[in-house]
Protein backbone atom coordinates (compact mmCIF):
# COMPACT_ATOMS: atom_id res chain seq x y z
CA UNK A 1 99.49 101.46 106.24
CA UNK A 2 99.01 104.52 105.05
CA UNK A 3 101.11 107.60 104.16
CA UNK A 4 98.78 110.29 102.81
CA UNK A 5 95.09 110.80 104.92
CA UNK A 6 92.49 112.74 102.60
CA UNK A 7 89.71 114.11 104.69
CA UNK A 8 86.05 114.82 102.87
CA UNK A 9 84.91 118.12 104.74
CA UNK A 10 81.23 118.51 104.94
CA UNK A 11 79.93 115.89 107.38
CA UNK A 12 83.57 114.48 107.98
CA UNK A 13 85.31 117.59 109.39
CA UNK A 14 82.32 120.04 109.96
CA UNK A 15 79.07 119.97 110.60
CA UNK A 16 78.04 122.54 107.62
CA UNK A 17 74.19 121.42 107.62
CA UNK A 18 72.97 124.87 108.59
CA UNK A 19 74.82 126.66 106.04
CA UNK A 20 73.95 124.55 103.61
CA UNK A 21 70.35 123.86 103.88
CA UNK A 22 69.65 127.49 104.12
CA UNK A 23 71.69 128.20 101.18
CA UNK A 24 69.66 125.81 99.16
CA UNK A 25 66.20 126.66 100.41
CA UNK A 26 66.90 130.05 99.30
CA UNK A 27 68.17 129.05 96.12
CA UNK A 28 65.10 126.62 95.49
CA UNK A 29 62.87 129.53 96.29
CA UNK A 30 64.00 131.64 93.80
CA UNK A 31 63.21 128.83 91.48
CA UNK A 32 59.96 128.47 92.76
CA UNK A 33 60.02 125.54 94.89
CA UNK A 34 59.42 125.96 98.75
CA UNK A 35 60.89 123.37 100.67
CA UNK A 36 61.72 122.87 104.56
CA UNK A 37 65.10 122.56 105.42
CA UNK A 38 65.05 118.87 106.67
CA UNK A 39 64.34 118.06 103.32
CA UNK A 40 67.71 119.47 102.24
CA UNK A 41 70.31 117.75 103.87
CA UNK A 42 70.69 115.03 101.01
CA UNK A 43 72.28 118.24 99.12
CA UNK A 44 75.35 117.70 101.36
CA UNK A 45 77.95 115.35 100.10
CA UNK A 46 77.24 115.47 96.24
CA UNK A 47 77.74 118.41 93.85
CA UNK A 48 75.60 120.69 93.55
CA UNK A 49 74.96 120.42 89.60
CA UNK A 50 73.95 116.29 90.42
CA UNK A 51 71.80 117.32 93.37
CA UNK A 52 69.73 119.68 91.73
CA UNK A 53 69.69 117.81 88.63
CA UNK A 54 68.73 114.57 90.34
CA UNK A 55 66.40 115.78 93.03
CA UNK A 56 64.21 118.41 91.38
CA UNK A 57 64.84 118.18 87.60
CA UNK A 58 66.71 120.84 86.68
CA UNK A 59 68.23 121.42 83.42
CA UNK A 60 71.61 122.88 82.63
CA UNK A 61 70.07 126.42 82.55
CA UNK A 62 67.91 126.13 85.91
CA UNK A 63 70.95 124.07 87.19
CA UNK A 64 73.36 126.87 86.67
CA UNK A 65 70.94 129.88 87.91
CA UNK A 66 70.31 127.82 91.10
CA UNK A 67 73.93 127.50 91.62
CA UNK A 68 74.18 131.28 91.20
CA UNK A 69 71.98 132.05 93.91
CA UNK A 70 73.23 129.27 96.15
CA UNK A 71 76.59 130.67 96.31
CA UNK A 72 75.53 133.82 96.51
CA UNK A 73 74.41 133.23 99.76
CA UNK A 74 76.99 130.76 101.08
CA UNK A 75 79.90 133.16 99.97
CA UNK A 76 78.39 135.84 102.08
CA UNK A 77 76.66 134.13 105.13
CA UNK A 78 76.13 130.30 104.82
CA UNK A 79 79.99 129.19 105.06
CA UNK A 80 80.31 130.39 107.98
CA UNK A 81 77.11 128.72 109.35
CA UNK A 82 79.29 125.83 110.22
CA UNK A 83 81.00 124.08 113.04
CA UNK A 84 84.15 121.54 113.48
CA UNK A 85 82.85 118.60 115.10
CA UNK A 86 84.33 118.21 118.79
CA UNK A 87 88.11 116.65 118.68
CA UNK A 88 88.75 116.84 114.71
CA UNK A 89 91.66 119.60 115.68
CA UNK A 90 92.98 116.40 117.95
CA UNK A 91 92.88 113.95 115.44
CA UNK A 92 94.37 115.88 113.11
CA UNK A 93 97.28 116.97 114.98
CA UNK A 94 97.69 113.19 116.04
CA UNK A 95 98.11 112.12 112.23
CA UNK A 96 100.28 115.15 111.43
CA UNK A 97 102.35 114.27 114.46
CA UNK A 98 102.60 110.67 113.25
CA UNK A 99 104.51 111.95 110.05
CA UNK A 100 101.75 111.54 107.69
CA UNK A 101 100.77 113.89 104.88
CA UNK A 102 97.15 115.12 105.32
CA UNK A 103 94.78 116.97 103.00
CA UNK A 104 90.96 117.80 102.35
CA UNK A 105 89.44 116.77 98.68
CA UNK A 106 86.23 118.10 98.91
CA UNK A 107 83.24 118.49 95.97
CA UNK A 108 83.07 122.19 98.32
CA UNK A 109 84.62 125.16 95.84
CA UNK A 110 88.30 125.45 97.16
CA UNK A 111 87.95 128.87 97.69
CA UNK A 112 85.11 128.35 100.27
CA UNK A 113 87.07 125.39 101.98
CA UNK A 114 90.15 127.07 102.53
CA UNK A 115 88.47 130.34 104.41
CA UNK A 116 86.18 127.88 106.54
CA UNK A 117 89.37 125.75 107.40
CA UNK A 118 91.24 129.17 108.15
CA UNK A 119 88.47 130.23 110.27
CA UNK A 120 88.80 127.05 112.33
CA UNK A 121 92.75 127.48 112.39
CA UNK A 122 93.28 124.10 111.16
CA UNK A 123 95.32 124.62 108.43
CA UNK A 124 98.47 124.26 110.16
CA UNK A 125 97.31 120.47 109.82
CA UNK A 126 97.01 119.89 106.55
CA UNK A 127 99.25 120.10 103.69
CA UNK A 128 96.54 120.06 100.67
CA UNK A 129 93.32 121.41 100.23
CA UNK A 130 91.81 120.26 97.28
CA UNK A 131 88.07 121.36 96.41
CA UNK A 132 85.96 122.11 93.23
CA UNK A 133 86.74 124.92 90.89
CA UNK A 134 83.89 127.41 90.68
CA UNK A 135 83.68 127.28 86.97
CA UNK A 136 82.78 123.34 87.17
CA UNK A 137 85.80 122.16 85.62
CA UNK A 138 87.04 120.34 88.66
CA UNK A 139 83.60 119.01 90.49
CA UNK A 140 83.17 115.25 91.39
CA UNK A 141 84.74 113.43 94.10
CA UNK A 142 87.12 111.83 92.00
CA UNK A 143 88.27 114.82 90.44
CA UNK A 144 89.43 116.72 93.46
CA UNK A 145 90.86 113.25 95.07
CA UNK A 146 93.26 113.44 91.89
CA UNK A 147 94.07 116.72 92.18
CA UNK A 148 95.02 116.33 95.67
CA UNK A 149 97.32 112.85 94.59
CA UNK A 150 98.61 115.13 92.08
CA UNK A 151 99.39 118.37 94.18
CA UNK A 152 101.17 115.13 96.58
CA UNK A 153 103.59 114.20 93.68
CA UNK A 154 101.23 110.88 92.55
CA UNK A 155 102.16 108.95 95.79
CA UNK A 156 101.87 105.04 95.54
CA UNK A 157 98.06 104.98 95.76
CA UNK A 158 97.97 101.68 98.06
CA UNK A 159 99.22 104.34 100.53
CA UNK A 160 96.40 106.83 100.30
CA UNK A 161 93.19 106.65 101.97
CA UNK A 162 90.11 108.96 102.15
CA UNK A 163 88.11 109.83 105.22
CA UNK A 164 84.58 110.48 104.49
CA UNK A 165 80.61 109.90 105.52
CA UNK A 166 78.72 109.66 102.75
CA UNK A 167 78.83 107.06 99.09
CA UNK A 168 80.06 109.99 97.14
CA UNK A 169 83.09 110.02 99.16
CA UNK A 170 83.53 106.09 99.01
CA UNK A 171 82.96 106.02 94.87
CA UNK A 172 84.91 108.66 94.89
CA UNK A 173 87.85 106.66 96.21
CA UNK A 174 87.09 103.82 94.40
CA UNK A 175 87.00 105.24 91.34
CA UNK A 176 90.38 107.35 92.09
CA UNK A 177 92.11 103.98 93.26
CA UNK A 178 92.01 104.32 96.47
CA UNK A 179 90.67 103.18 99.90
CA UNK A 180 88.07 104.95 102.09
CA UNK A 181 86.90 104.62 105.91
CA UNK A 182 83.29 105.70 106.15
CA UNK A 183 82.77 107.29 109.54
CA UNK A 184 79.30 107.67 110.72
CA UNK A 185 79.02 110.82 112.73
CA UNK A 186 78.48 112.62 109.35
CA UNK A 187 75.24 112.52 107.26
CA UNK A 188 75.73 108.88 105.50
CA UNK A 189 74.45 105.53 106.65
CA UNK A 190 76.55 102.01 107.21
CA UNK A 191 74.71 100.35 104.70
CA UNK A 192 75.75 103.32 101.86
CA UNK A 193 78.91 103.37 102.62
CA UNK A 194 79.46 99.58 102.55
CA UNK A 195 77.60 99.43 99.44
CA UNK A 196 79.66 102.26 98.04
CA UNK A 197 82.68 100.18 98.70
CA UNK A 198 84.14 101.61 101.78
CA UNK A 199 87.01 99.49 103.35
CA UNK A 200 86.64 100.21 106.71
CA UNK A 201 84.12 101.86 109.08
CA UNK A 202 84.89 104.18 111.59
CA UNK A 203 81.77 104.11 114.22
CA UNK A 204 83.42 106.97 116.23
CA UNK A 205 86.19 109.92 115.45
CA UNK A 206 88.39 108.24 117.86
CA UNK A 207 88.44 105.21 116.21
CA UNK A 208 89.85 106.90 112.65
CA UNK A 209 93.59 106.54 113.62
CA UNK A 210 93.01 102.77 114.36
CA UNK A 211 92.58 101.86 110.86
CA UNK A 212 95.62 104.13 109.87
């Protein structure tokens, strides 16, 4: 059914919770807010600007400062406090061997995404890595999806699917005009994914291939 398979990164390819929550905790502390890391998993998935604005009411100036502090930590340490989900390498290889094209489409900065995927040894299975730009010009899910499609030569969208774990993935896919397979081993919920428009729900990583 699908010739192009786009993957979210955080919560879909890898468990990035440690590095992200530590970085957010440090950024919030810099802004005078003490927060337990267990409360910060909500930052995994959406763009940083959205999260700081939505969850803490930061204005543009405070957002920019918090993002700067976060990225200083994440770029040096946090991105490596991260581990691939067991079996993801085999799934990517299986999809690639079936003749399909694979992309990563993530709201994480592209620079960090490339470093992480190279560290995991997964880039050999991936044709395109589309992430956010550090200057904020490209950041939300729809934008990184559309950039991935542009690099593929703008294929027929009926042949493209996004695999992701949160409502931001499902919403971004819907906005871009492609289907979404929601996965339940990451940071989202079945209800949120369905409400956001995910066409399929994969209870396990192994079942993702069945929907392709």
